[in-house]
Amino acid sequence: MLLLGAGDLLGPPLRQDGLTVRPPREFRLARMDLFHGTRVIGVGSKEGAARYLSAALMDGDAEDASTMLVSVIEEPLRLGPNARDDAANVVMKHLRDELGLEFTLERADVVSGSAARVEVRGSVREGAQLRKVLVALYAGDSRRAVVLFSVPSGRWDGLVPALTESLESMRVDQAAGPSKSLSIAFAVLVGAALLASVGVWRRRLARRAAAQA
Protein backbone atom coordinates (compact mmCIF):
# COMPACT_ATOMS: atom_id res chain seq x y z
CA MET A 1 0.00 0.00 0.00
CA LEU A 2 2.87 2.35 0.74
CA LEU A 3 4.34 1.70 -2.70
CA LEU A 4 1.00 2.36 -4.35
CA GLY A 5 0.63 5.60 -2.40
CA ALA A 6 4.07 6.77 -3.50
CA GLY A 7 3.19 6.01 -7.11
CA ASP A 8 0.17 8.30 -6.86
CA LEU A 9 2.38 11.16 -5.68
CA LEU A 10 5.02 10.92 -8.40
CA GLY A 11 5.10 11.35 -12.15
CA PRO A 12 7.03 9.28 -14.72
CA PRO A 13 10.81 8.96 -14.37
CA LEU A 14 13.01 11.73 -15.75
CA ARG A 15 16.21 10.27 -17.20
CA GLN A 16 18.88 12.75 -18.14
CA ASP A 17 22.67 13.11 -17.90
CA GLY A 18 23.01 9.80 -16.07
CA LEU A 19 20.37 10.73 -13.49
CA THR A 20 17.02 9.06 -12.93
CA VAL A 21 14.47 10.75 -10.71
CA ARG A 22 10.69 10.81 -10.44
CA PRO A 23 9.40 14.35 -9.89
CA PRO A 24 6.18 15.08 -8.02
CA ARG A 25 3.20 14.31 -10.21
CA GLU A 26 2.25 17.90 -11.09
CA PHE A 27 5.77 19.03 -12.03
CA ARG A 28 6.63 19.51 -15.72
CA LEU A 29 9.82 20.47 -17.50
CA ALA A 30 10.10 24.25 -17.73
CA ARG A 31 11.72 26.47 -20.33
CA MET A 32 15.39 26.43 -19.46
CA ASP A 33 15.88 30.04 -20.54
CA LEU A 34 13.87 31.09 -17.47
CA PHE A 35 16.76 29.83 -15.38
CA HIS A 36 19.62 31.32 -17.37
CA GLY A 37 22.19 32.61 -14.91
CA THR A 38 21.16 30.24 -12.12
CA ARG A 39 23.67 30.43 -9.31
CA VAL A 40 24.86 27.21 -7.74
CA ILE A 41 26.93 26.34 -4.72
CA GLY A 42 28.80 23.33 -3.36
CA VAL A 43 30.25 21.62 -0.34
CA GLY A 44 33.98 21.18 -0.82
CA SER A 45 33.86 21.58 -4.60
CA LYS A 46 37.19 21.83 -6.33
CA GLU A 47 38.08 24.48 -8.85
CA GLY A 48 37.58 23.21 -12.39
CA ALA A 49 35.02 20.52 -11.55
CA ALA A 50 32.34 20.34 -14.24
CA ARG A 51 28.95 21.45 -12.94
CA TYR A 52 25.70 22.23 -14.68
CA LEU A 53 21.96 22.60 -14.37
CA SER A 54 20.49 19.40 -15.80
CA ALA A 55 16.73 20.00 -15.53
CA ALA A 56 14.25 22.61 -14.30
CA LEU A 57 10.65 21.71 -13.51
CA MET A 58 7.67 23.74 -12.30
CA ASP A 59 4.12 22.89 -11.28
CA GLY A 60 2.52 25.94 -12.89
CA ASP A 61 3.07 29.33 -14.52
CA ALA A 62 1.81 31.64 -11.79
CA GLU A 63 4.00 33.39 -9.25
CA ASP A 64 2.97 30.85 -6.62
CA ALA A 65 4.36 27.97 -8.70
CA SER A 66 6.80 25.57 -7.07
CA THR A 67 10.19 24.86 -8.62
CA MET A 68 12.39 21.78 -8.81
CA LEU A 69 15.97 22.12 -10.03
CA VAL A 70 18.29 19.20 -10.69
CA SER A 71 22.03 19.80 -11.04
CA VAL A 72 25.09 17.61 -11.58
CA ILE A 73 28.62 18.04 -10.27
CA GLU A 74 31.35 15.88 -11.76
CA GLU A 75 33.01 15.42 -8.40
CA PRO A 76 32.55 13.02 -5.47
CA LEU A 77 30.78 13.80 -2.22
CA ARG A 78 31.15 11.62 0.85
CA LEU A 79 28.91 12.17 3.83
CA GLY A 80 31.34 12.53 6.72
CA PRO A 81 30.58 13.44 10.33
CA ASN A 82 30.41 17.17 9.54
CA ALA A 83 28.26 16.84 6.40
CA ARG A 84 25.10 18.20 8.01
CA ASP A 85 26.70 21.34 9.46
CA ASP A 86 28.79 21.97 6.33
CA ALA A 87 25.72 21.78 4.07
CA ALA A 88 23.65 24.08 6.29
CA ASN A 89 26.42 26.66 6.51
CA VAL A 90 27.13 26.76 2.79
CA VAL A 91 23.43 27.13 1.90
CA MET A 92 23.00 29.99 4.36
CA LYS A 93 26.18 31.73 3.23
CA HIS A 94 25.28 31.49 -0.46
CA LEU A 95 21.81 32.92 -0.01
CA ARG A 96 23.08 35.78 2.12
CA ASP A 97 26.27 36.68 0.26
CA GLU A 98 25.41 35.85 -3.34
CA LEU A 99 21.68 36.53 -3.52
CA GLY A 100 21.08 38.98 -0.69
CA LEU A 101 18.38 36.80 0.88
CA GLU A 102 18.10 35.97 4.54
CA PHE A 103 17.70 32.22 4.89
CA THR A 104 16.04 30.97 8.06
CA LEU A 105 17.41 27.49 8.73
CA GLU A 106 14.85 25.04 10.07
CA ARG A 107 16.76 21.77 10.02
CA ALA A 108 19.52 19.78 8.32
CA ASP A 109 19.58 15.98 8.22
CA VAL A 110 21.73 13.19 6.84
CA VAL A 111 19.54 10.59 5.11
CA SER A 112 21.06 7.14 4.61
CA GLY A 113 20.03 4.38 2.21
CA SER A 114 20.14 3.94 -1.55
CA ALA A 115 19.64 7.69 -2.06
CA ALA A 116 22.09 8.86 0.62
CA ARG A 117 22.07 12.64 0.95
CA VAL A 118 22.10 15.71 3.16
CA GLU A 119 18.85 17.65 3.30
CA VAL A 120 18.77 21.33 4.29
CA ARG A 121 15.38 22.92 4.94
CA GLY A 122 14.48 26.51 5.63
CA SER A 123 12.73 29.57 4.24
CA VAL A 124 13.40 32.83 2.42
CA ARG A 125 11.23 35.92 2.13
CA GLU A 126 10.93 38.06 -0.97
CA GLY A 127 8.59 40.98 -0.49
CA ALA A 128 5.34 39.66 0.94
CA GLN A 129 5.95 36.08 -0.16
CA LEU A 130 7.50 33.47 2.13
CA ARG A 131 8.93 30.44 0.35
CA LYS A 132 10.13 27.17 1.80
CA VAL A 133 13.41 25.84 0.43
CA LEU A 134 14.59 22.24 0.48
CA VAL A 135 18.06 21.38 -0.83
CA ALA A 136 19.23 17.77 -1.16
CA LEU A 137 22.95 17.11 -1.77
CA TYR A 138 23.52 13.50 -2.81
CA ALA A 139 26.56 11.39 -2.01
CA GLY A 140 28.56 9.99 -4.93
CA ASP A 141 31.87 8.22 -5.50
CA SER A 142 32.74 10.09 -8.70
CA ARG A 143 29.83 12.44 -9.43
CA ARG A 144 26.85 13.76 -7.52
CA ALA A 145 23.44 15.29 -7.93
CA VAL A 146 21.75 18.16 -6.14
CA VAL A 147 18.02 18.82 -6.06
CA LEU A 148 16.40 22.08 -4.98
CA PHE A 149 12.71 22.56 -4.25
CA SER A 150 11.30 26.07 -3.75
CA VAL A 151 7.65 26.11 -2.59
CA PRO A 152 5.32 28.90 -1.39
CA SER A 153 4.84 28.43 2.33
CA GLY A 154 1.07 28.03 2.04
CA ARG A 155 1.51 24.98 -0.19
CA TRP A 156 4.40 23.40 1.68
CA ASP A 157 2.59 20.96 3.97
CA GLY A 158 0.59 19.49 1.11
CA LEU A 159 3.67 18.92 -1.03
CA VAL A 160 6.08 17.51 1.57
CA PRO A 161 5.12 13.83 1.05
CA ALA A 162 5.65 14.09 -2.72
CA LEU A 163 8.94 15.97 -2.30
CA THR A 164 10.24 13.30 0.07
CA GLU A 165 9.26 10.45 -2.24
CA SER A 166 10.83 12.24 -5.19
CA LEU A 167 14.14 12.68 -3.38
CA GLU A 168 14.13 8.98 -2.47
CA SER A 169 13.73 8.07 -6.15
CA MET A 170 17.02 9.67 -7.26
CA ARG A 171 19.63 7.38 -8.80
CA VAL A 172 22.96 8.59 -10.17
CA ASP A 173 25.00 6.66 -12.73
CA GLN A 174 28.55 7.15 -11.48
CA ALA A 175 30.03 6.31 -14.89
CA ALA A 176 27.95 8.73 -16.96
CA GLY A 177 29.19 12.05 -18.27
CA PRO A 178 27.56 15.36 -19.20
CA SER A 179 25.46 15.49 -22.36
CA LYS A 180 26.79 17.44 -25.33
CA SER A 181 23.71 19.66 -25.25
CA LEU A 182 25.08 21.15 -22.05
CA SER A 183 27.93 22.77 -23.95
CA ILE A 184 25.63 25.80 -24.10
CA ALA A 185 25.30 25.57 -20.32
CA PHE A 186 24.21 28.36 -18.11
CA ALA A 187 26.38 30.72 -16.13
CA VAL A 188 27.05 28.89 -12.89
CA LEU A 189 29.30 29.22 -9.89
CA VAL A 190 30.58 26.39 -7.72
CA GLY A 191 29.02 23.10 -6.72
CA ALA A 192 25.46 22.11 -5.91
CA ALA A 193 22.26 23.72 -7.12
CA LEU A 194 20.53 26.48 -5.24
CA LEU A 195 18.26 28.90 -7.05
CA ALA A 196 16.46 31.90 -5.63
CA SER A 197 13.25 31.35 -7.57
CA VAL A 198 12.37 34.98 -7.07
CA GLY A 199 14.71 35.76 -9.95
CA VAL A 200 12.29 34.01 -12.27
CA TRP A 201 9.39 36.10 -10.99
CA ARG A 202 11.34 39.30 -11.49
CA ARG A 203 12.15 38.43 -15.10
CA ARG A 204 8.52 37.57 -15.80
CA LEU A 205 7.32 40.86 -14.31
CA ALA A 206 9.92 42.79 -16.29
CA ARG A 207 8.82 41.12 -19.52
CA ARG A 208 5.16 41.86 -18.80
CA ALA A 209 5.95 45.49 -18.05
CA ALA A 210 7.93 45.80 -21.27
CA ALA A 211 5.12 44.22 -23.28
CA GLN A 212 2.55 46.63 -21.80
CA ALA A 213 4.73 49.71 -22.32
C-alpha atoms as a PDB file:
ATOM      1  CA  MET A   1       0.000   0.000   0.000  1.00  0.00           C
ATOM      2  CA  LEU A   2       2.874   2.350   0.742  1.00  0.00           C
ATOM      3  CA  LEU A   3       4.340   1.705  -2.704  1.00  0.00           C
ATOM      4  CA  LEU A   4       0.995   2.358  -4.353  1.00  0.00           C
ATOM      5  CA  GLY A   5       0.631   5.598  -2.400  1.00  0.00           C
ATOM      6  CA  ALA A   6       4.068   6.767  -3.501  1.00  0.00           C
ATOM      7  CA  GLY A   7       3.194   6.009  -7.109  1.00  0.00           C
ATOM      8  CA  ASP A   8       0.172   8.301  -6.862  1.00  0.00           C
ATOM      9  CA  LEU A   9       2.378  11.161  -5.683  1.00  0.00           C
ATOM     10  CA  LEU A  10       5.024  10.922  -8.404  1.00  0.00           C
ATOM     11  CA  GLY A  11       5.104  11.348 -12.145  1.00  0.00           C
ATOM     12  CA  PRO A  12       7.026   9.276 -14.715  1.00  0.00           C
ATOM     13  CA  PRO A  13      10.814   8.964 -14.372  1.00  0.00           C
ATOM     14  CA  LEU A  14      13.008  11.725 -15.746  1.00  0.00           C
ATOM     15  CA  ARG A  15      16.205  10.266 -17.205  1.00  0.00           C
ATOM     16  CA  GLN A  16      18.881  12.754 -18.142  1.00  0.00           C
ATOM     17  CA  ASP A  17      22.673  13.106 -17.896  1.00  0.00           C
ATOM     18  CA  GLY A  18      23.012   9.797 -16.072  1.00  0.00           C
ATOM     19  CA  LEU A  19      20.367  10.731 -13.494  1.00  0.00           C
ATOM     20  CA  THR A  20      17.025   9.061 -12.927  1.00  0.00           C
ATOM     21  CA  VAL A  21      14.468  10.754 -10.706  1.00  0.00           C
ATOM     22  CA  ARG A  22      10.687  10.807 -10.443  1.00  0.00           C
ATOM     23  CA  PRO A  23       9.401  14.350  -9.890  1.00  0.00           C
ATOM     24  CA  PRO A  24       6.183  15.078  -8.016  1.00  0.00           C
ATOM     25  CA  ARG A  25       3.199  14.311 -10.210  1.00  0.00           C
ATOM     26  CA  GLU A  26       2.248  17.901 -11.085  1.00  0.00           C
ATOM     27  CA  PHE A  27       5.768  19.034 -12.028  1.00  0.00           C
ATOM     28  CA  ARG A  28       6.630  19.507 -15.717  1.00  0.00           C
ATOM     29  CA  LEU A  29       9.824  20.470 -17.502  1.00  0.00           C
ATOM     30  CA  ALA A  30      10.098  24.246 -17.729  1.00  0.00           C
ATOM     31  CA  ARG A  31      11.716  26.466 -20.327  1.00  0.00           C
ATOM     32  CA  MET A  32      15.391  26.433 -19.460  1.00  0.00           C
ATOM     33  CA  ASP A  33      15.880  30.043 -20.538  1.00  0.00           C
ATOM     34  CA  LEU A  34      13.869  31.089 -17.473  1.00  0.00           C
ATOM     35  CA  PHE A  35      16.762  29.830 -15.375  1.00  0.00           C
ATOM     36  CA  HIS A  36      19.621  31.324 -17.367  1.00  0.00           C
ATOM     37  CA  GLY A  37      22.194  32.605 -14.906  1.00  0.00           C
ATOM     38  CA  THR A  38      21.157  30.241 -12.118  1.00  0.00           C
ATOM     39  CA  ARG A  39      23.672  30.428  -9.310  1.00  0.00           C
ATOM     40  CA  VAL A  40      24.860  27.210  -7.739  1.00  0.00           C
ATOM     41  CA  ILE A  41      26.926  26.338  -4.721  1.00  0.00           C
ATOM     42  CA  GLY A  42      28.798  23.333  -3.356  1.00  0.00           C
ATOM     43  CA  VAL A  43      30.253  21.623  -0.342  1.00  0.00           C
ATOM     44  CA  GLY A  44      33.984  21.179  -0.822  1.00  0.00           C
ATOM     45  CA  SER A  45      33.863  21.577  -4.605  1.00  0.00           C
ATOM     46  CA  LYS A  46      37.195  21.825  -6.328  1.00  0.00           C
ATOM     47  CA  GLU A  47      38.080  24.484  -8.849  1.00  0.00           C
ATOM     48  CA  GLY A  48      37.584  23.210 -12.389  1.00  0.00           C
ATOM     49  CA  ALA A  49      35.021  20.518 -11.547  1.00  0.00           C
ATOM     50  CA  ALA A  50      32.337  20.336 -14.236  1.00  0.00           C
ATOM     51  CA  ARG A  51      28.949  21.453 -12.943  1.00  0.00           C
ATOM     52  CA  TYR A  52      25.698  22.235 -14.683  1.00  0.00           C
ATOM     53  CA  LEU A  53      21.956  22.596 -14.367  1.00  0.00           C
ATOM     54  CA  SER A  54      20.490  19.395 -15.803  1.00  0.00           C
ATOM     55  CA  ALA A  55      16.732  20.001 -15.526  1.00  0.00           C
ATOM     56  CA  ALA A  56      14.252  22.607 -14.297  1.00  0.00           C
ATOM     57  CA  LEU A  57      10.651  21.712 -13.515  1.00  0.00           C
ATOM     58  CA  MET A  58       7.673  23.742 -12.300  1.00  0.00           C
ATOM     59  CA  ASP A  59       4.121  22.887 -11.279  1.00  0.00           C
ATOM     60  CA  GLY A  60       2.523  25.939 -12.893  1.00  0.00           C
ATOM     61  CA  ASP A  61       3.070  29.326 -14.515  1.00  0.00           C
ATOM     62  CA  ALA A  62       1.810  31.642 -11.791  1.00  0.00           C
ATOM     63  CA  GLU A  63       4.000  33.388  -9.246  1.00  0.00           C
ATOM     64  CA  ASP A  64       2.967  30.846  -6.619  1.00  0.00           C
ATOM     65  CA  ALA A  65       4.356  27.966  -8.698  1.00  0.00           C
ATOM     66  CA  SER A  66       6.797  25.575  -7.070  1.00  0.00           C
ATOM     67  CA  THR A  67      10.185  24.865  -8.619  1.00  0.00           C
ATOM     68  CA  MET A  68      12.385  21.775  -8.812  1.00  0.00           C
ATOM     69  CA  LEU A  69      15.973  22.123 -10.033  1.00  0.00           C
ATOM     70  CA  VAL A  70      18.292  19.197 -10.692  1.00  0.00           C
ATOM     71  CA  SER A  71      22.028  19.796 -11.041  1.00  0.00           C
ATOM     72  CA  VAL A  72      25.088  17.611 -11.583  1.00  0.00           C
ATOM     73  CA  ILE A  73      28.617  18.038 -10.270  1.00  0.00           C
ATOM     74  CA  GLU A  74      31.351  15.883 -11.758  1.00  0.00           C
ATOM     75  CA  GLU A  75      33.014  15.424  -8.400  1.00  0.00           C
ATOM     76  CA  PRO A  76      32.548  13.017  -5.467  1.00  0.00           C
ATOM     77  CA  LEU A  77      30.778  13.803  -2.218  1.00  0.00           C
ATOM     78  CA  ARG A  78      31.152  11.622   0.855  1.00  0.00           C
ATOM     79  CA  LEU A  79      28.915  12.173   3.831  1.00  0.00           C
ATOM     80  CA  GLY A  80      31.336  12.533   6.722  1.00  0.00           C
ATOM     81  CA  PRO A  81      30.584  13.443  10.334  1.00  0.00           C
ATOM     82  CA  ASN A  82      30.407  17.171   9.536  1.00  0.00           C
ATOM     83  CA  ALA A  83      28.256  16.841   6.401  1.00  0.00           C
ATOM     84  CA  ARG A  84      25.103  18.205   8.009  1.00  0.00           C
ATOM     85  CA  ASP A  85      26.699  21.336   9.455  1.00  0.00           C
ATOM     86  CA  ASP A  86      28.787  21.968   6.325  1.00  0.00           C
ATOM     87  CA  ALA A  87      25.724  21.781   4.070  1.00  0.00           C
ATOM     88  CA  ALA A  88      23.650  24.079   6.292  1.00  0.00           C
ATOM     89  CA  ASN A  89      26.417  26.656   6.506  1.00  0.00           C
ATOM     90  CA  VAL A  90      27.130  26.757   2.794  1.00  0.00           C
ATOM     91  CA  VAL A  91      23.427  27.132   1.905  1.00  0.00           C
ATOM     92  CA  MET A  92      22.995  29.992   4.360  1.00  0.00           C
ATOM     93  CA  LYS A  93      26.182  31.726   3.227  1.00  0.00           C
ATOM     94  CA  HIS A  94      25.284  31.493  -0.457  1.00  0.00           C
ATOM     95  CA  LEU A  95      21.814  32.920  -0.011  1.00  0.00           C
ATOM     96  CA  ARG A  96      23.085  35.775   2.118  1.00  0.00           C
ATOM     97  CA  ASP A  97      26.267  36.685   0.259  1.00  0.00           C
ATOM     98  CA  GLU A  98      25.408  35.849  -3.341  1.00  0.00           C
ATOM     99  CA  LEU A  99      21.676  36.529  -3.518  1.00  0.00           C
ATOM    100  CA  GLY A 100      21.085  38.979  -0.686  1.00  0.00           C
ATOM    101  CA  LEU A 101      18.378  36.805   0.875  1.00  0.00           C
ATOM    102  CA  GLU A 102      18.104  35.972   4.539  1.00  0.00           C
ATOM    103  CA  PHE A 103      17.700  32.219   4.891  1.00  0.00           C
ATOM    104  CA  THR A 104      16.041  30.969   8.060  1.00  0.00           C
ATOM    105  CA  LEU A 105      17.414  27.495   8.726  1.00  0.00           C
ATOM    106  CA  GLU A 106      14.848  25.041  10.066  1.00  0.00           C
ATOM    107  CA  ARG A 107      16.757  21.768  10.018  1.00  0.00           C
ATOM    108  CA  ALA A 108      19.519  19.784   8.324  1.00  0.00           C
ATOM    109  CA  ASP A 109      19.584  15.984   8.222  1.00  0.00           C
ATOM    110  CA  VAL A 110      21.727  13.193   6.835  1.00  0.00           C
ATOM    111  CA  VAL A 111      19.539  10.590   5.107  1.00  0.00           C
ATOM    112  CA  SER A 112      21.057   7.136   4.614  1.00  0.00           C
ATOM    113  CA  GLY A 113      20.031   4.382   2.212  1.00  0.00           C
ATOM    114  CA  SER A 114      20.143   3.936  -1.552  1.00  0.00           C
ATOM    115  CA  ALA A 115      19.642   7.693  -2.063  1.00  0.00           C
ATOM    116  CA  ALA A 116      22.091   8.864   0.625  1.00  0.00           C
ATOM    117  CA  ARG A 117      22.071  12.636   0.947  1.00  0.00           C
ATOM    118  CA  VAL A 118      22.097  15.708   3.164  1.00  0.00           C
ATOM    119  CA  GLU A 119      18.847  17.655   3.304  1.00  0.00           C
ATOM    120  CA  VAL A 120      18.773  21.329   4.290  1.00  0.00           C
ATOM    121  CA  ARG A 121      15.383  22.921   4.941  1.00  0.00           C
ATOM    122  CA  GLY A 122      14.480  26.510   5.632  1.00  0.00           C
ATOM    123  CA  SER A 123      12.728  29.573   4.237  1.00  0.00           C
ATOM    124  CA  VAL A 124      13.398  32.832   2.422  1.00  0.00           C
ATOM    125  CA  ARG A 125      11.225  35.920   2.127  1.00  0.00           C
ATOM    126  CA  GLU A 126      10.929  38.064  -0.969  1.00  0.00           C
ATOM    127  CA  GLY A 127       8.593  40.978  -0.492  1.00  0.00           C
ATOM    128  CA  ALA A 128       5.344  39.659   0.942  1.00  0.00           C
ATOM    129  CA  GLN A 129       5.951  36.076  -0.162  1.00  0.00           C
ATOM    130  CA  LEU A 130       7.498  33.475   2.128  1.00  0.00           C
ATOM    131  CA  ARG A 131       8.932  30.441   0.351  1.00  0.00           C
ATOM    132  CA  LYS A 132      10.127  27.167   1.797  1.00  0.00           C
ATOM    133  CA  VAL A 133      13.413  25.841   0.428  1.00  0.00           C
ATOM    134  CA  LEU A 134      14.587  22.239   0.475  1.00  0.00           C
ATOM    135  CA  VAL A 135      18.059  21.384  -0.835  1.00  0.00           C
ATOM    136  CA  ALA A 136      19.233  17.769  -1.158  1.00  0.00           C
ATOM    137  CA  LEU A 137      22.946  17.112  -1.769  1.00  0.00           C
ATOM    138  CA  TYR A 138      23.515  13.497  -2.809  1.00  0.00           C
ATOM    139  CA  ALA A 139      26.563  11.390  -2.012  1.00  0.00           C
ATOM    140  CA  GLY A 140      28.559   9.985  -4.932  1.00  0.00           C
ATOM    141  CA  ASP A 141      31.865   8.217  -5.502  1.00  0.00           C
ATOM    142  CA  SER A 142      32.742  10.087  -8.701  1.00  0.00           C
ATOM    143  CA  ARG A 143      29.829  12.445  -9.434  1.00  0.00           C
ATOM    144  CA  ARG A 144      26.850  13.756  -7.520  1.00  0.00           C
ATOM    145  CA  ALA A 145      23.436  15.290  -7.929  1.00  0.00           C
ATOM    146  CA  VAL A 146      21.755  18.161  -6.142  1.00  0.00           C
ATOM    147  CA  VAL A 147      18.022  18.822  -6.062  1.00  0.00           C
ATOM    148  CA  LEU A 148      16.401  22.077  -4.983  1.00  0.00           C
ATOM    149  CA  PHE A 149      12.707  22.561  -4.255  1.00  0.00           C
ATOM    150  CA  SER A 150      11.300  26.074  -3.747  1.00  0.00           C
ATOM    151  CA  VAL A 151       7.653  26.114  -2.585  1.00  0.00           C
ATOM    152  CA  PRO A 152       5.319  28.899  -1.389  1.00  0.00           C
ATOM    153  CA  SER A 153       4.836  28.428   2.334  1.00  0.00           C
ATOM    154  CA  GLY A 154       1.065  28.032   2.044  1.00  0.00           C
ATOM    155  CA  ARG A 155       1.507  24.982  -0.194  1.00  0.00           C
ATOM    156  CA  TRP A 156       4.399  23.398   1.678  1.00  0.00           C
ATOM    157  CA  ASP A 157       2.593  20.957   3.965  1.00  0.00           C
ATOM    158  CA  GLY A 158       0.589  19.489   1.114  1.00  0.00           C
ATOM    159  CA  LEU A 159       3.674  18.922  -1.031  1.00  0.00           C
ATOM    160  CA  VAL A 160       6.076  17.506   1.569  1.00  0.00           C
ATOM    161  CA  PRO A 161       5.118  13.833   1.052  1.00  0.00           C
ATOM    162  CA  ALA A 162       5.645  14.086  -2.715  1.00  0.00           C
ATOM    163  CA  LEU A 163       8.939  15.966  -2.300  1.00  0.00           C
ATOM    164  CA  THR A 164      10.240  13.302   0.065  1.00  0.00           C
ATOM    165  CA  GLU A 165       9.265  10.446  -2.243  1.00  0.00           C
ATOM    166  CA  SER A 166      10.828  12.244  -5.190  1.00  0.00           C
ATOM    167  CA  LEU A 167      14.139  12.683  -3.375  1.00  0.00           C
ATOM    168  CA  GLU A 168      14.134   8.982  -2.471  1.00  0.00           C
ATOM    169  CA  SER A 169      13.733   8.072  -6.153  1.00  0.00           C
ATOM    170  CA  MET A 170      17.020   9.674  -7.260  1.00  0.00           C
ATOM    171  CA  ARG A 171      19.633   7.377  -8.800  1.00  0.00           C
ATOM    172  CA  VAL A 172      22.959   8.593 -10.173  1.00  0.00           C
ATOM    173  CA  ASP A 173      25.003   6.656 -12.729  1.00  0.00           C
ATOM    174  CA  GLN A 174      28.550   7.153 -11.476  1.00  0.00           C
ATOM    175  CA  ALA A 175      30.030   6.307 -14.890  1.00  0.00           C
ATOM    176  CA  ALA A 176      27.950   8.727 -16.962  1.00  0.00           C
ATOM    177  CA  GLY A 177      29.194  12.054 -18.269  1.00  0.00           C
ATOM    178  CA  PRO A 178      27.558  15.364 -19.204  1.00  0.00           C
ATOM    179  CA  SER A 179      25.462  15.490 -22.363  1.00  0.00           C
ATOM    180  CA  LYS A 180      26.786  17.437 -25.332  1.00  0.00           C
ATOM    181  CA  SER A 181      23.711  19.656 -25.246  1.00  0.00           C
ATOM    182  CA  LEU A 182      25.077  21.154 -22.054  1.00  0.00           C
ATOM    183  CA  SER A 183      27.932  22.766 -23.953  1.00  0.00           C
ATOM    184  CA  ILE A 184      25.625  25.795 -24.098  1.00  0.00           C
ATOM    185  CA  ALA A 185      25.300  25.570 -20.322  1.00  0.00           C
ATOM    186  CA  PHE A 186      24.213  28.360 -18.108  1.00  0.00           C
ATOM    187  CA  ALA A 187      26.385  30.724 -16.128  1.00  0.00           C
ATOM    188  CA  VAL A 188      27.053  28.892 -12.891  1.00  0.00           C
ATOM    189  CA  LEU A 189      29.297  29.217  -9.890  1.00  0.00           C
ATOM    190  CA  VAL A 190      30.582  26.389  -7.720  1.00  0.00           C
ATOM    191  CA  GLY A 191      29.024  23.096  -6.721  1.00  0.00           C
ATOM    192  CA  ALA A 192      25.460  22.115  -5.908  1.00  0.00           C
ATOM    193  CA  ALA A 193      22.264  23.723  -7.122  1.00  0.00           C
ATOM    194  CA  LEU A 194      20.531  26.482  -5.241  1.00  0.00           C
ATOM    195  CA  LEU A 195      18.257  28.901  -7.052  1.00  0.00           C
ATOM    196  CA  ALA A 196      16.464  31.901  -5.625  1.00  0.00           C
ATOM    197  CA  SER A 197      13.249  31.350  -7.568  1.00  0.00           C
ATOM    198  CA  VAL A 198      12.375  34.980  -7.070  1.00  0.00           C
ATOM    199  CA  GLY A 199      14.711  35.765  -9.952  1.00  0.00           C
ATOM    200  CA  VAL A 200      12.286  34.009 -12.272  1.00  0.00           C
ATOM    201  CA  TRP A 201       9.391  36.096 -10.989  1.00  0.00           C
ATOM    202  CA  ARG A 202      11.345  39.298 -11.494  1.00  0.00           C
ATOM    203  CA  ARG A 203      12.154  38.428 -15.098  1.00  0.00           C
ATOM    204  CA  ARG A 204       8.517  37.569 -15.801  1.00  0.00           C
ATOM    205  CA  LEU A 205       7.319  40.855 -14.310  1.00  0.00           C
ATOM    206  CA  ALA A 206       9.916  42.791 -16.287  1.00  0.00           C
ATOM    207  CA  ARG A 207       8.818  41.117 -19.516  1.00  0.00           C
ATOM    208  CA  ARG A 208       5.162  41.861 -18.803  1.00  0.00           C
ATOM    209  CA  ALA A 209       5.945  45.491 -18.049  1.00  0.00           C
ATOM    210  CA  ALA A 210       7.933  45.804 -21.273  1.00  0.00           C
ATOM    211  CA  ALA A 211       5.118  44.224 -23.277  1.00  0.00           C
ATOM    212  CA  GLN A 212       2.551  46.627 -21.801  1.00  0.00           C
ATOM    213  CA  ALA A 213       4.730  49.705 -22.315  1.00  0.00           C
END
